[in-house]
């Protein structure tokens, strides 16, 4: 299974690399996190994105640890999306 997270209230300067680094500290297995920031046609961030993790334990730990925390001066929102097989 793959656990998808919705990450909201991202600072415009936040990158996919920043999210991978942030969520990477919760990975216990072999599959690293993947991240996508949704961007407008001009390439500017829309302020939200998605991250995937591979286990339920990683997912719960990431939500409990990262929701309502600061990233580049903004309080991010971390919510569970859909589980994908």
Protein backbone atom coordinates (compact mmCIF):
# COMPACT_ATOMS: atom_id res chain seq x y z
CA UNK A 1 0.00 0.00 0.00
CA UNK A 2 0.98 3.59 -0.53
CA UNK A 3 -0.33 6.31 1.77
CA UNK A 4 -1.04 9.66 0.17
CA UNK A 5 -0.94 12.89 2.17
CA UNK A 6 -2.40 16.27 1.31
CA UNK A 7 -0.10 19.08 2.49
CA UNK A 8 -1.66 22.55 2.63
CA UNK A 9 -0.51 26.07 3.44
CA UNK A 10 2.93 25.55 1.91
CA UNK A 11 5.19 28.56 1.54
CA UNK A 12 5.68 29.42 -2.12
CA UNK A 13 9.43 28.79 -1.81
CA UNK A 14 8.93 25.20 -0.54
CA UNK A 15 10.13 22.59 -3.02
CA UNK A 16 9.54 18.89 -3.58
CA UNK A 17 13.02 18.32 -2.18
CA UNK A 18 12.04 20.12 1.04
CA UNK A 19 9.00 17.88 1.47
CA UNK A 20 10.97 14.72 0.74
CA UNK A 21 13.57 15.75 3.30
CA UNK A 22 10.89 16.60 5.88
CA UNK A 23 8.91 13.37 5.44
CA UNK A 24 12.04 11.24 4.92
CA UNK A 25 12.73 11.28 8.64
CA UNK A 26 9.60 9.12 9.11
CA UNK A 27 10.64 6.39 6.68
CA UNK A 28 11.61 3.08 8.26
CA UNK A 29 11.54 0.92 5.15
CA UNK A 30 13.23 0.82 1.79
CA UNK A 31 10.78 2.99 -0.14
CA UNK A 32 11.64 6.70 0.14
CA UNK A 33 8.88 9.31 0.16
CA UNK A 34 7.78 10.97 -3.05
CA UNK A 35 6.45 14.53 -3.25
CA UNK A 36 4.62 16.73 -5.73
CA UNK A 37 3.81 20.41 -5.30
CA UNK A 38 0.88 21.60 -7.39
CA UNK A 39 1.94 24.50 -9.58
CA UNK A 40 0.18 27.09 -11.72
CA UNK A 41 0.90 27.34 -15.45
CA UNK A 42 3.63 29.89 -14.72
CA UNK A 43 5.42 27.36 -12.46
CA UNK A 44 4.59 29.12 -9.20
CA UNK A 45 3.42 26.96 -6.31
CA UNK A 46 -0.28 26.98 -5.51
CA UNK A 47 0.58 26.41 -1.84
CA UNK A 48 -0.32 22.74 -1.59
CA UNK A 49 1.06 19.37 -2.56
CA UNK A 50 1.09 15.65 -1.99
CA UNK A 51 3.52 13.22 -0.35
CA UNK A 52 3.49 9.42 -0.36
CA UNK A 53 4.78 7.03 2.31
CA UNK A 54 4.67 3.25 2.28
CA UNK A 55 3.48 2.06 5.72
CA UNK A 56 0.66 2.85 8.11
CA UNK A 57 3.12 3.44 10.97
CA UNK A 58 5.08 5.97 8.88
CA UNK A 59 1.84 7.67 7.89
CA UNK A 60 0.47 8.02 11.42
CA UNK A 61 3.80 9.17 12.81
CA UNK A 62 4.16 11.82 10.08
CA UNK A 63 0.65 13.19 10.64
CA UNK A 64 1.04 13.29 14.41
CA UNK A 65 4.45 14.96 14.17
CA UNK A 66 4.05 17.38 11.26
CA UNK A 67 0.47 18.64 11.26
CA UNK A 68 0.30 22.26 12.48
CA UNK A 69 4.08 22.69 12.43
CA UNK A 70 6.16 25.45 10.86
CA UNK A 71 7.80 25.15 7.46
CA UNK A 72 9.41 28.32 6.06
CA UNK A 73 7.34 30.51 8.37
CA UNK A 74 3.97 28.95 7.57
CA UNK A 75 1.95 26.48 9.62
CA UNK A 76 1.42 23.47 7.37
CA UNK A 77 -1.63 21.21 7.39
CA UNK A 78 -0.98 17.49 6.93
CA UNK A 79 -3.99 15.29 6.19
CA UNK A 80 -4.32 11.69 5.10
CA UNK A 81 -5.47 11.27 1.52
CA UNK A 82 -6.39 7.97 -0.07
CA UNK A 83 -4.58 4.67 0.34
CA UNK A 84 -3.36 3.32 -2.98
CA UNK A 85 -2.53 -0.30 -3.72
